[in-house]
Amino acid sequence: MRILRTPEDVAELRTALAVRAASGWAVWDGPERVSGLGPEGFDVVPAHDGALARTADGSRLWRVVAWDERRGAIRLKVRGAFGLVTRTLRIGGEPSAVHAGDWFEEAAGRTLALRFGGECGSLRVVGQRLSGSVRTHGGRQASVIGIGPDASERLVDDALSAGLVARRRLERSSRSAVELLVLSTAPAIRTVAERLVWLAPYARVRLVDVTEPLVDVRPHDQGSLVPGGRAFWPNPAKAELKAERTRSPSKRKRRTPERDLAAVVRARLDVVDPSIDPSLVYEQVPARRRGADGYIDMLCVTRRGRLVVIELKATEDRALPLQGLSYWSRVRWHHARGEISRRGYFPGIELDARPPLLLLVAPRLAMHASVRIVLELLSSDVDCEAIALTTRWRKSFAVLERIVHR
């Protein structure tokens, strides 16, 4: 569950409650309906060490410890006024109803109706996202993708990539430029905003918060800041030890194609990029942000001191380019503040002040269409190269194609 510690945490919870209020949901304590949502029924306010939940008439008061979402409904872990009893309140519809996150689908539909009219188009549920197209003003079309509030970083990357691919297909069928409209809300919308900041203006992507449907969200880079501190960066010795454990014989039973690919790429860096110094390579570097754990496959440096981020995929993965971009942006953020050298990485090397180079490495048949599409839409601030390997890379390692964006 998400612990409430800061005013920002409380604001995020209040935003989630406001969206549910529009769906006519209520607060439930087991089978008992406590009150409706909204200022006239139930509200959450910041306190010195978290938050307080209270009914509008003041008859009920709880200290909120944490909250989470399950199938669209919200669960509040609360304590009574004297903090002696811990229970869970549920924000949802009737207890007998089935909730499948349809509140977000309803909010996305209202957003499109407010912006383009009630008959502008329709959305459909595709896996864990919403997808479709709408008719905008002037008879033009726009591709639409909806990313729910509880989407992980991995799901955001996959959904956004799917939206870019769908938009490209719509452009080809309509033979005209098409805009991509991304609908989301907190907390996932923060991740979306971080990705979009690295796309060029001609990418034609608009981000809208379904809780404020008439206002576009400006993409913004939040770096690696997290509530209470910065992203976790281990010392380089720990990164090296993890890599050694991955390659040790005792781990052979847990081998995966991606680990095999990492071992082969590590041994043939001269083929991947001759400028990389093979003597200083950190593997599986933890990159943690807002409670989400991720691992940078390889963090390297060229012989001239420029940082290199390598993201590997042994099988087809639509999220490859945006996942690599996520790690690149974190390394860039820390490098701009001198934290890479200060943490002890690349001892004795004077690092180039330029942003890192991003390499996306995968077998040619595993290169999803999203790779080429995203590379075409990247900002000029991102130096990225996709490297397609031979299909039988275990036996005959070679580069078949390089897709360069610089």
Protein backbone atom coordinates (compact mmCIF):
# COMPACT_ATOMS: atom_id res chain seq x y z
CA MET A 1 0.00 0.00 0.00
CA ARG A 2 1.07 3.62 -0.52
CA ILE A 3 2.15 5.24 2.74
CA LEU A 4 1.02 8.85 3.34
CA ARG A 5 3.99 10.93 4.46
CA THR A 6 3.97 14.25 2.60
CA PRO A 7 1.35 16.83 1.50
CA GLU A 8 2.01 15.66 -2.08
CA ASP A 9 0.95 12.13 -1.11
CA VAL A 10 -2.27 13.49 0.40
CA ALA A 11 -2.95 15.62 -2.71
CA GLU A 12 -2.56 12.52 -4.88
CA LEU A 13 -5.10 10.63 -2.77
CA ARG A 14 -7.57 13.53 -2.87
CA THR A 15 -7.30 13.64 -6.67
CA ALA A 16 -8.09 9.93 -6.85
CA LEU A 17 -11.12 10.43 -4.57
CA ALA A 18 -12.38 13.35 -6.70
CA VAL A 19 -12.45 11.16 -9.80
CA ARG A 20 -14.48 8.49 -7.99
CA ALA A 21 -16.90 11.09 -6.67
CA ALA A 22 -17.90 11.87 -10.26
CA SER A 23 -18.93 8.20 -10.66
CA GLY A 24 -21.34 8.38 -7.71
CA TRP A 25 -19.32 6.05 -5.51
CA ALA A 26 -19.33 6.13 -1.71
CA VAL A 27 -17.32 5.27 1.42
CA TRP A 28 -17.95 1.80 2.89
CA ASP A 29 -16.93 0.36 6.25
CA GLY A 30 -17.59 -3.31 5.53
CA PRO A 31 -21.29 -3.53 4.55
CA GLU A 32 -22.06 -0.12 6.11
CA ARG A 33 -22.27 2.89 3.84
CA VAL A 34 -20.47 5.66 5.74
CA SER A 35 -21.07 8.62 3.42
CA GLY A 36 -20.86 9.90 -0.11
CA LEU A 37 -17.69 11.36 -1.59
CA GLY A 38 -16.80 15.00 -2.09
CA PRO A 39 -16.58 17.96 0.33
CA GLU A 40 -20.27 17.56 1.18
CA GLY A 41 -19.77 13.97 2.36
CA PHE A 42 -16.18 12.84 2.96
CA ASP A 43 -12.80 14.50 2.74
CA VAL A 44 -9.13 13.82 3.44
CA VAL A 45 -6.97 16.61 4.86
CA PRO A 46 -3.22 16.77 5.60
CA ALA A 47 -2.01 16.28 9.19
CA HIS A 48 1.41 16.73 10.76
CA ASP A 49 2.28 13.05 10.29
CA GLY A 50 0.04 11.93 7.41
CA ALA A 51 -3.65 12.61 6.82
CA LEU A 52 -7.04 12.66 8.50
CA ALA A 53 -10.27 11.41 6.91
CA ARG A 54 -13.55 12.82 8.13
CA THR A 55 -17.21 12.99 7.24
CA ALA A 56 -18.69 16.41 6.48
CA ASP A 57 -20.83 16.45 9.62
CA GLY A 58 -17.82 15.65 11.82
CA SER A 59 -19.41 12.50 13.25
CA ARG A 60 -16.66 10.17 12.01
CA LEU A 61 -12.89 10.73 12.08
CA TRP A 62 -9.99 8.44 11.14
CA ARG A 63 -6.24 8.71 10.79
CA VAL A 64 -5.28 7.46 7.30
CA VAL A 65 -2.19 5.24 7.36
CA ALA A 66 -1.98 4.11 3.72
CA TRP A 67 -4.06 3.49 0.60
CA ASP A 68 -4.10 1.48 -2.59
CA GLU A 69 -6.29 0.64 -5.59
CA ARG A 70 -7.79 -2.70 -6.52
CA ARG A 71 -9.84 -3.09 -9.69
CA GLY A 72 -10.66 0.61 -9.68
CA ALA A 73 -11.83 0.83 -6.05
CA ILE A 74 -9.73 2.55 -3.38
CA ARG A 75 -8.90 0.99 -0.01
CA LEU A 76 -7.95 3.24 2.90
CA LYS A 77 -6.08 1.71 5.82
CA VAL A 78 -7.22 3.81 8.79
CA ARG A 79 -7.06 3.98 12.58
CA GLY A 80 -9.77 5.27 14.88
CA ALA A 81 -9.61 8.59 16.73
CA PHE A 82 -7.41 7.14 19.49
CA GLY A 83 -5.30 5.06 17.12
CA LEU A 84 -6.20 1.78 18.83
CA VAL A 85 -8.05 -0.04 16.05
CA THR A 86 -6.87 -0.46 12.47
CA ARG A 87 -9.47 -1.16 9.78
CA THR A 88 -9.93 -0.73 6.03
CA LEU A 89 -12.44 1.60 4.38
CA ARG A 90 -13.44 0.99 0.78
CA ILE A 91 -14.22 3.69 -1.78
CA GLY A 92 -16.46 2.15 -4.43
CA GLY A 93 -19.97 1.27 -5.48
CA GLU A 94 -22.40 -1.17 -3.89
CA PRO A 95 -20.57 -4.07 -2.20
CA SER A 96 -22.26 -6.57 -4.51
CA ALA A 97 -21.17 -4.72 -7.67
CA VAL A 98 -18.22 -5.80 -9.79
CA HIS A 99 -15.67 -3.03 -10.34
CA ALA A 100 -13.13 -3.37 -13.15
CA GLY A 101 -11.64 0.09 -13.16
CA ASP A 102 -14.56 1.40 -15.23
CA TRP A 103 -14.40 4.76 -13.41
CA PHE A 104 -11.31 5.64 -15.47
CA GLU A 105 -13.01 4.56 -18.68
CA GLU A 106 -15.98 6.77 -17.79
CA ALA A 107 -13.70 9.72 -16.98
CA ALA A 108 -11.82 9.26 -20.28
CA GLY A 109 -15.14 9.22 -22.17
CA ARG A 110 -16.27 12.41 -20.46
CA THR A 111 -12.95 14.06 -21.33
CA LEU A 112 -13.34 13.28 -25.04
CA ALA A 113 -16.99 14.42 -25.04
CA LEU A 114 -16.10 17.74 -23.39
CA ARG A 115 -13.26 18.43 -25.81
CA PHE A 116 -14.71 17.17 -29.10
CA GLY A 117 -18.44 16.55 -28.59
CA GLY A 118 -20.53 13.56 -27.58
CA GLU A 119 -20.27 11.71 -30.93
CA CYS A 120 -16.54 12.25 -31.51
CA GLY A 121 -15.63 8.56 -31.37
CA SER A 122 -15.24 5.65 -29.01
CA LEU A 123 -12.66 3.87 -26.86
CA ARG A 124 -12.20 0.15 -26.33
CA VAL A 125 -10.38 -1.77 -23.62
CA VAL A 126 -7.19 -3.40 -24.91
CA GLY A 127 -5.45 -5.39 -22.20
CA GLN A 128 -4.76 -2.92 -19.41
CA ARG A 129 -5.21 0.25 -21.45
CA LEU A 130 -7.83 2.14 -23.43
CA SER A 131 -7.35 2.63 -27.15
CA GLY A 132 -9.22 4.18 -30.05
CA SER A 133 -9.50 7.23 -32.27
CA VAL A 134 -11.70 10.33 -32.33
CA ARG A 135 -12.77 13.01 -34.76
CA THR A 136 -11.42 16.36 -33.67
CA HIS A 137 -12.39 19.84 -34.80
CA GLY A 138 -12.26 20.52 -38.51
CA GLY A 139 -12.94 16.91 -39.42
CA ARG A 140 -9.43 15.78 -38.47
CA GLN A 141 -8.64 12.54 -36.64
CA ALA A 142 -6.62 11.81 -33.53
CA SER A 143 -5.40 8.52 -32.11
CA VAL A 144 -6.18 8.07 -28.40
CA ILE A 145 -4.52 6.00 -25.69
CA GLY A 146 -5.71 5.83 -22.07
CA ILE A 147 -3.27 4.90 -19.28
CA GLY A 148 -4.84 4.19 -15.88
CA PRO A 149 -3.62 5.85 -12.67
CA ASP A 150 -2.11 2.69 -11.17
CA ALA A 151 -0.07 1.74 -14.25
CA SER A 152 3.53 0.79 -13.49
CA GLU A 153 6.45 2.36 -15.35
CA ARG A 154 6.71 -0.79 -17.46
CA LEU A 155 3.01 -0.59 -18.40
CA VAL A 156 3.29 3.14 -19.19
CA ASP A 157 6.18 2.44 -21.59
CA ASP A 158 4.26 -0.36 -23.27
CA ALA A 159 1.01 1.61 -23.58
CA LEU A 160 2.69 4.78 -24.86
CA SER A 161 4.65 2.76 -27.42
CA ALA A 162 1.43 1.08 -28.52
CA GLY A 163 -0.16 4.51 -28.96
CA LEU A 164 2.69 5.75 -31.15
CA VAL A 165 2.50 2.63 -33.32
CA ALA A 166 -1.30 2.91 -33.62
CA ARG A 167 -1.00 6.58 -34.56
CA ARG A 168 1.48 5.71 -37.33
CA ARG A 169 -0.94 3.13 -38.76
CA LEU A 170 -3.78 5.66 -38.70
CA GLU A 171 -1.57 8.18 -40.52
CA ARG A 172 -0.84 5.68 -43.27
CA SER A 173 -4.51 4.74 -43.72
CA SER A 174 -5.74 8.35 -43.67
CA ARG A 175 -2.70 9.71 -45.57
CA SER A 176 -2.59 12.74 -43.31
CA ALA A 177 -0.88 13.89 -40.11
CA VAL A 178 -2.57 12.49 -36.99
CA GLU A 179 -2.21 13.65 -33.40
CA LEU A 180 -1.81 11.27 -30.44
CA LEU A 181 -3.93 12.15 -27.41
CA VAL A 182 -2.81 10.49 -24.16
CA LEU A 183 -5.37 10.36 -21.32
CA SER A 184 -4.19 9.56 -17.80
CA THR A 185 -4.20 10.82 -14.22
CA ALA A 186 -2.03 10.71 -11.09
CA PRO A 187 0.15 8.95 -10.25
CA ALA A 188 0.88 7.34 -13.65
CA ILE A 189 0.57 10.66 -15.47
CA ARG A 190 3.85 11.79 -13.91
CA THR A 191 5.68 8.95 -15.64
CA VAL A 192 3.98 9.78 -18.95
CA ALA A 193 5.03 13.43 -18.61
CA GLU A 194 8.64 12.38 -18.02
CA ARG A 195 8.66 10.29 -21.21
CA LEU A 196 7.03 12.93 -23.42
CA VAL A 197 9.57 15.60 -22.53
CA TRP A 198 12.14 13.75 -24.64
CA LEU A 199 9.99 13.65 -27.78
CA ALA A 200 10.41 16.31 -30.46
CA PRO A 201 7.64 18.90 -31.02
CA TYR A 202 6.78 17.29 -34.37
CA ALA A 203 5.82 14.10 -32.49
CA ARG A 204 2.36 15.72 -32.04
CA VAL A 205 1.51 14.17 -28.68
CA ARG A 206 -0.85 15.85 -26.20
CA LEU A 207 -1.27 14.76 -22.59
CA VAL A 208 -4.54 15.33 -20.72
CA ASP A 209 -5.41 14.63 -17.08
CA VAL A 210 -8.94 13.20 -16.98
CA THR A 211 -9.56 15.08 -13.72
CA GLU A 212 -8.94 18.38 -15.59
CA PRO A 213 -10.23 17.49 -19.06
CA LEU A 214 -10.00 20.91 -20.69
CA VAL A 215 -6.33 21.56 -19.84
CA ASP A 216 -3.31 20.03 -21.58
CA VAL A 217 -0.52 18.84 -19.29
CA ARG A 218 2.87 20.22 -20.20
CA PRO A 219 5.47 17.44 -20.40
CA HIS A 220 8.08 17.94 -17.73
CA ASP A 221 11.22 16.16 -16.59
CA GLN A 222 11.08 15.36 -12.88
CA GLY A 223 14.57 13.93 -12.90
CA SER A 224 15.09 11.29 -10.24
CA LEU A 225 13.60 13.14 -7.31
CA VAL A 226 11.51 11.00 -4.99
CA PRO A 227 9.53 11.92 -1.84
CA GLY A 228 12.05 12.29 0.94
CA GLY A 229 15.18 12.15 -1.21
CA ARG A 230 16.75 11.26 -4.50
CA ALA A 231 16.80 8.06 -6.47
CA PHE A 232 18.81 5.23 -5.00
CA TRP A 233 22.25 4.84 -6.57
CA PRO A 234 24.41 2.05 -5.10
CA ASN A 235 28.16 2.24 -4.92
CA PRO A 236 29.86 0.74 -7.99
CA ALA A 237 31.22 -2.24 -6.05
CA LYS A 238 27.68 -3.50 -5.45
CA ALA A 239 26.85 -3.18 -9.15
CA GLU A 240 29.95 -5.20 -10.05
CA LEU A 241 29.17 -7.90 -7.49
CA LYS A 242 25.65 -8.32 -8.86
CA ALA A 243 27.08 -8.80 -12.32
CA GLU A 244 29.52 -11.42 -11.04
CA ARG A 245 26.70 -13.32 -9.32
CA THR A 246 24.73 -13.29 -12.56
CA ARG A 247 27.61 -14.95 -14.37
CA SER A 248 28.52 -17.47 -11.65
CA PRO A 249 28.02 -21.22 -12.31
CA SER A 250 25.65 -21.50 -9.34
CA LYS A 251 23.13 -19.38 -11.26
CA ARG A 252 23.05 -21.50 -14.43
CA LYS A 253 19.62 -22.94 -13.59
CA ARG A 254 18.21 -19.42 -13.66
CA ARG A 255 19.67 -18.48 -17.05
CA THR A 256 17.43 -16.49 -19.38
CA PRO A 257 17.91 -15.43 -23.02
CA GLU A 258 18.42 -11.85 -21.86
CA ARG A 259 21.18 -12.86 -19.43
CA ASP A 260 22.82 -14.89 -22.18
CA LEU A 261 22.63 -11.89 -24.49
CA ALA A 262 24.16 -9.65 -21.82
CA ALA A 263 27.10 -12.04 -21.45
CA VAL A 264 27.69 -12.15 -25.21
CA VAL A 265 27.39 -8.38 -25.61
CA ARG A 266 29.75 -7.85 -22.66
CA ALA A 267 32.34 -10.03 -24.39
CA ARG A 268 31.87 -8.37 -27.80
CA LEU A 269 31.53 -4.69 -26.98
CA ASP A 270 34.11 -4.00 -29.67
CA VAL A 271 31.52 -5.11 -32.24
CA VAL A 272 28.62 -3.25 -30.65
CA ASP A 273 30.53 0.04 -30.41
CA PRO A 274 34.33 0.14 -30.87
CA SER A 275 34.55 3.42 -28.94
CA ILE A 276 33.45 1.81 -25.62
CA ASP A 277 36.15 1.02 -23.07
CA PRO A 278 35.56 -2.68 -22.24
CA SER A 279 37.58 -2.48 -19.02
CA LEU A 280 34.99 -0.31 -17.22
CA VAL A 281 31.48 -1.75 -17.55
CA TYR A 282 28.88 -1.86 -14.77
CA GLU A 283 26.08 -4.38 -15.23
CA GLN A 284 22.60 -4.50 -13.67
CA VAL A 285 22.95 -1.11 -11.99
CA PRO A 286 19.89 -0.54 -9.77
CA ALA A 287 17.90 2.57 -10.67
CA ARG A 288 15.06 3.10 -8.21
CA ARG A 289 12.52 5.90 -8.40
CA ARG A 290 9.25 6.46 -6.49
CA GLY A 291 9.33 2.91 -5.18
CA ALA A 292 9.75 1.33 -8.66
CA ASP A 293 12.83 -0.84 -9.05
CA GLY A 294 14.66 -1.08 -12.34
CA TYR A 295 18.07 -2.24 -13.48
CA ILE A 296 20.22 -0.62 -16.14
CA ASP A 297 21.61 -3.50 -18.20
CA MET A 298 24.99 -1.82 -18.76
CA LEU A 299 26.51 1.50 -17.83
CA CYS A 300 29.71 2.11 -19.81
CA VAL A 301 32.05 4.87 -20.91
CA THR A 302 33.80 5.57 -24.20
CA ARG A 303 37.56 5.99 -24.43
CA ARG A 304 36.94 9.74 -24.61
CA GLY A 305 34.92 9.74 -21.39
CA ARG A 306 31.34 9.86 -22.67
CA LEU A 307 28.80 7.83 -20.68
CA VAL A 308 26.91 5.06 -22.51
CA VAL A 309 23.64 3.45 -21.38
CA ILE A 310 22.90 0.06 -22.97
CA GLU A 311 19.44 -1.54 -22.87
CA LEU A 312 19.16 -5.16 -24.05
CA LYS A 313 16.22 -7.29 -25.22
CA ALA A 314 16.59 -10.88 -26.39
CA THR A 315 12.91 -11.14 -27.37
CA GLU A 316 10.48 -8.70 -28.98
CA ASP A 317 9.40 -5.98 -26.57
CA ARG A 318 7.36 -2.96 -27.63
CA ALA A 319 8.56 -1.01 -24.57
CA LEU A 320 12.28 -1.28 -25.44
CA PRO A 321 12.91 2.30 -26.67
CA LEU A 322 10.97 4.07 -23.91
CA GLN A 323 12.37 1.82 -21.19
CA GLY A 324 15.88 2.62 -22.40
CA LEU A 325 14.95 6.31 -22.54
CA SER A 326 13.81 6.12 -18.90
CA TYR A 327 17.19 4.83 -17.73
CA TRP A 328 19.01 7.29 -19.98
CA SER A 329 17.12 10.22 -18.45
CA ARG A 330 18.03 9.10 -14.92
CA VAL A 331 21.72 8.76 -15.76
CA ARG A 332 21.62 12.13 -17.53
CA TRP A 333 19.99 13.76 -14.51
CA HIS A 334 22.62 12.43 -12.09
CA HIS A 335 25.52 13.10 -14.47
CA ALA A 336 24.48 16.76 -14.92
CA ARG A 337 24.85 17.11 -11.13
CA GLY A 338 28.23 15.40 -10.97
CA GLU A 339 26.85 12.47 -9.00
CA ILE A 340 28.20 9.69 -11.23
CA SER A 341 31.84 10.50 -10.48
CA ARG A 342 31.10 11.50 -6.90
CA ARG A 343 29.62 8.04 -6.22
CA GLY A 344 32.85 6.39 -7.39
CA TYR A 345 31.88 5.23 -10.85
CA PHE A 346 34.62 5.13 -13.51
CA PRO A 347 37.55 5.98 -11.22
CA GLY A 348 40.33 7.97 -12.85
CA ILE A 349 38.17 8.88 -15.87
CA GLU A 350 37.29 12.50 -16.62
CA LEU A 351 33.72 12.16 -17.81
CA ASP A 352 32.51 14.08 -20.85
CA ALA A 353 29.99 16.77 -19.89
CA ARG A 354 27.66 15.79 -22.75
CA PRO A 355 24.54 13.69 -22.03
CA PRO A 356 25.03 9.93 -22.31
CA LEU A 357 24.72 7.92 -25.49
CA LEU A 358 21.82 5.44 -25.50
CA LEU A 359 22.24 2.07 -27.25
CA LEU A 360 19.28 -0.27 -27.78
CA VAL A 361 20.54 -3.76 -28.59
CA ALA A 362 18.37 -6.68 -29.74
CA PRO A 363 18.31 -9.38 -32.44
CA ARG A 364 16.87 -8.06 -35.67
CA LEU A 365 13.74 -10.24 -35.47
CA ALA A 366 13.15 -8.95 -31.91
CA MET A 367 13.23 -5.30 -32.98
CA HIS A 368 9.61 -4.20 -32.58
CA ALA A 369 8.22 -1.58 -34.99
CA SER A 370 8.09 0.84 -32.02
CA VAL A 371 11.91 1.12 -32.04
CA ARG A 372 12.14 2.81 -35.43
CA ILE A 373 9.01 4.93 -34.78
CA VAL A 374 10.20 6.23 -31.39
CA LEU A 375 13.71 6.96 -32.68
CA GLU A 376 12.21 9.12 -35.44
CA LEU A 377 10.28 11.13 -32.84
CA LEU A 378 13.03 11.67 -30.26
CA SER A 379 14.23 15.12 -29.30
CA SER A 380 17.56 16.28 -30.72
CA ASP A 381 18.85 16.23 -27.12
CA VAL A 382 18.88 12.40 -27.18
CA ASP A 383 21.73 10.59 -28.92
CA CYS A 384 20.30 7.13 -29.51
CA GLU A 385 21.23 4.18 -31.69
CA ALA A 386 19.36 0.90 -32.18
CA ILE A 387 21.65 -2.02 -32.98
CA ALA A 388 20.12 -5.09 -34.66
CA LEU A 389 22.07 -8.32 -34.19
CA THR A 390 22.06 -11.58 -36.08
CA THR A 391 19.28 -13.96 -35.09
CA ARG A 392 21.79 -16.65 -34.08
CA TRP A 393 23.78 -14.26 -31.93
CA ARG A 394 24.97 -17.03 -29.58
CA LYS A 395 26.97 -18.68 -32.38
CA SER A 396 27.68 -15.88 -34.84
CA PHE A 397 27.59 -12.49 -33.17
CA ALA A 398 27.42 -9.63 -35.67
CA VAL A 399 25.62 -6.35 -36.26
CA LEU A 400 23.16 -6.43 -39.18
CA GLU A 401 21.77 -2.90 -38.96
CA ARG A 402 22.23 0.35 -37.09
CA ILE A 403 19.34 2.79 -36.75
CA VAL A 404 20.84 6.10 -35.66
CA HIS A 405 19.15 9.16 -34.19
CA ARG A 406 21.51 12.04 -33.52
